[in-house]
C-alpha atoms as a PDB file:
ATOM      1  CA  MET A   1      49.826 -12.509   5.371  1.00  0.00           C
ATOM      2  CA  ALA A   2      46.651 -13.906   4.145  1.00  0.00           C
ATOM      3  CA  VAL A   3      45.565 -10.584   2.519  1.00  0.00           C
ATOM      4  CA  PHE A   4      49.176 -10.475   0.767  1.00  0.00           C
ATOM      5  CA  GLY A   5      48.566 -14.001  -0.277  1.00  0.00           C
ATOM      6  CA  ALA A   6      45.018 -13.492  -1.741  1.00  0.00           C
ATOM      7  CA  ILE A   7      46.252 -10.401  -3.725  1.00  0.00           C
ATOM      8  CA  VAL A   8      49.378 -12.078  -5.097  1.00  0.00           C
ATOM      9  CA  GLY A   9      47.461 -15.146  -5.903  1.00  0.00           C
ATOM     10  CA  TRP A  10      44.612 -13.506  -7.455  1.00  0.00           C
ATOM     11  CA  LEU A  11      47.158 -11.449  -9.656  1.00  0.00           C
ATOM     12  CA  ALA A  12      48.907 -14.652 -10.870  1.00  0.00           C
ATOM     13  CA  SER A  13      45.578 -16.543 -11.469  1.00  0.00           C
ATOM     14  CA  VAL A  14      44.498 -13.451 -13.708  1.00  0.00           C
ATOM     15  CA  ILE A  15      47.627 -13.612 -15.624  1.00  0.00           C
ATOM     16  CA  VAL A  16      47.714 -17.347 -16.145  1.00  0.00           C
ATOM     17  CA  LYS A  17      44.093 -17.973 -16.948  1.00  0.00           C
ATOM     18  CA  GLY A  18      42.140 -15.018 -16.809  1.00  0.00           C
ATOM     19  CA  SER A  19      40.320 -15.330 -13.417  1.00  0.00           C
ATOM     20  CA  GLY A  20      41.025 -16.295  -9.831  1.00  0.00           C
ATOM     21  CA  ASN A  21      40.890 -19.644  -8.230  1.00  0.00           C
ATOM     22  CA  GLY A  22      38.698 -18.659  -5.305  1.00  0.00           C
ATOM     23  CA  LEU A  23      39.847 -16.979  -2.032  1.00  0.00           C
ATOM     24  CA  LEU A  24      41.519 -19.983  -0.268  1.00  0.00           C
ATOM     25  CA  ALA A  25      43.221 -21.229  -3.525  1.00  0.00           C
ATOM     26  CA  ASP A  26      44.533 -17.650  -4.191  1.00  0.00           C
ATOM     27  CA  ILE A  27      45.801 -17.256  -0.575  1.00  0.00           C
ATOM     28  CA  ILE A  28      47.787 -20.583  -0.909  1.00  0.00           C
ATOM     29  CA  ILE A  29      49.033 -19.844  -4.479  1.00  0.00           C
ATOM     30  CA  GLY A  30      50.259 -16.480  -3.371  1.00  0.00           C
ATOM     31  CA  ILE A  31      51.935 -17.695  -0.077  1.00  0.00           C
ATOM     32  CA  VAL A  32      53.788 -20.529  -1.995  1.00  0.00           C
ATOM     33  CA  GLY A  33      54.450 -18.344  -4.939  1.00  0.00           C
ATOM     34  CA  ALA A  34      56.204 -15.862  -2.505  1.00  0.00           C
ATOM     35  CA  ASN A  35      58.290 -18.636  -0.984  1.00  0.00           C
ATOM     36  CA  ILE A  36      59.279 -19.858  -4.393  1.00  0.00           C
ATOM     37  CA  ALA A  37      60.292 -16.405  -5.397  1.00  0.00           C
ATOM     38  CA  GLY A  38      62.085 -15.982  -2.126  1.00  0.00           C
ATOM     39  CA  TRP A  39      64.196 -18.903  -2.879  1.00  0.00           C
ATOM     40  CA  LEU A  40      64.546 -18.703  -6.540  1.00  0.00           C
ATOM     41  CA  PHE A  41      65.616 -15.263  -7.279  1.00  0.00           C
ATOM     42  CA  PRO A  42      68.435 -14.974  -4.852  1.00  0.00           C
ATOM     43  CA  ALA A  43      69.512 -18.470  -6.016  1.00  0.00           C
ATOM     44  CA  ILE A  44      69.896 -17.321  -9.735  1.00  0.00           C
ATOM     45  CA  GLY A  45      71.282 -13.903  -8.664  1.00  0.00           C
ATOM     46  CA  ILE A  46      68.281 -11.692  -9.338  1.00  0.00           C
ATOM     47  CA  PRO A  47      67.671  -9.109  -6.818  1.00  0.00           C
ATOM     48  CA  LEU A  48      64.396  -7.510  -6.834  1.00  0.00           C
ATOM     49  CA  GLY A  49      64.853  -5.600  -3.530  1.00  0.00           C
ATOM     50  CA  THR A  50      63.060  -5.430  -0.460  1.00  0.00           C
ATOM     51  CA  THR A  51      60.577  -2.781  -1.141  1.00  0.00           C
ATOM     52  CA  ILE A  52      56.882  -3.698  -1.146  1.00  0.00           C
ATOM     53  CA  VAL A  53      57.039  -3.176  -5.155  1.00  0.00           C
ATOM     54  CA  GLY A  54      59.729  -5.600  -5.499  1.00  0.00           C
ATOM     55  CA  VAL A  55      58.330  -8.160  -3.109  1.00  0.00           C
ATOM     56  CA  VAL A  56      55.018  -8.080  -5.032  1.00  0.00           C
ATOM     57  CA  ILE A  57      56.659  -8.149  -8.343  1.00  0.00           C
ATOM     58  CA  SER A  58      58.656 -11.173  -7.244  1.00  0.00           C
ATOM     59  CA  SER A  59      55.878 -12.882  -5.329  1.00  0.00           C
ATOM     60  CA  VAL A  60      53.486 -12.695  -8.424  1.00  0.00           C
ATOM     61  CA  ILE A  61      56.198 -14.185 -10.741  1.00  0.00           C
ATOM     62  CA  GLY A  62      56.623 -17.009  -8.232  1.00  0.00           C
ATOM     63  CA  ALA A  63      53.068 -17.734  -8.130  1.00  0.00           C
ATOM     64  CA  VAL A  64      52.758 -17.675 -12.041  1.00  0.00           C
ATOM     65  CA  LEU A  65      55.591 -20.159 -12.166  1.00  0.00           C
ATOM     66  CA  LEU A  66      53.599 -22.351  -9.776  1.00  0.00           C
ATOM     67  CA  LEU A  67      50.456 -22.085 -11.703  1.00  0.00           C
ATOM     68  CA  LEU A  68      52.201 -22.845 -14.977  1.00  0.00           C
ATOM     69  CA  ILE A  69      53.843 -25.942 -13.440  1.00  0.00           C
ATOM     70  CA  ILE A  70      50.505 -27.103 -12.033  1.00  0.00           C
ATOM     71  CA  LYS A  71      48.970 -26.497 -15.500  1.00  0.00           C
ATOM     72  CA  LEU A  72      51.688 -28.544 -17.121  1.00  0.00           C
ATOM     73  CA  ILE A  73      51.398 -31.427 -14.693  1.00  0.00           C
ATOM     74  CA  ARG A  74      47.620 -31.493 -15.096  1.00  0.00           C
ATOM     75  CA  LYS A  75      48.003 -31.549 -19.095  1.00  0.00           C
ATOM     76  CA  VAL A  76      50.604 -34.368 -18.774  1.00  0.00           C
ATOM     77  CA  ALA A  77      48.376 -36.352 -16.465  1.00  0.00           C
ATOM     78  CA  SER A  78      45.334 -36.027 -18.586  1.00  0.00           C
END
């Protein structure tokens, strides 16, 4: 689980800001992003499947959404 979270979190971090956030942060981002995707995509009716490719894609999208929300909150707060 931690390895998957680290990979997904790192990929999302690279997509959003161009580099990773550190191992622990990437693991947390990846796991939370996977949970967001697991809730969001079925709720809006987008099935990405249960294959490893579908899970990784949806998890990365969920993690990217999480990072964009965090970025937006930091921008508004400053």
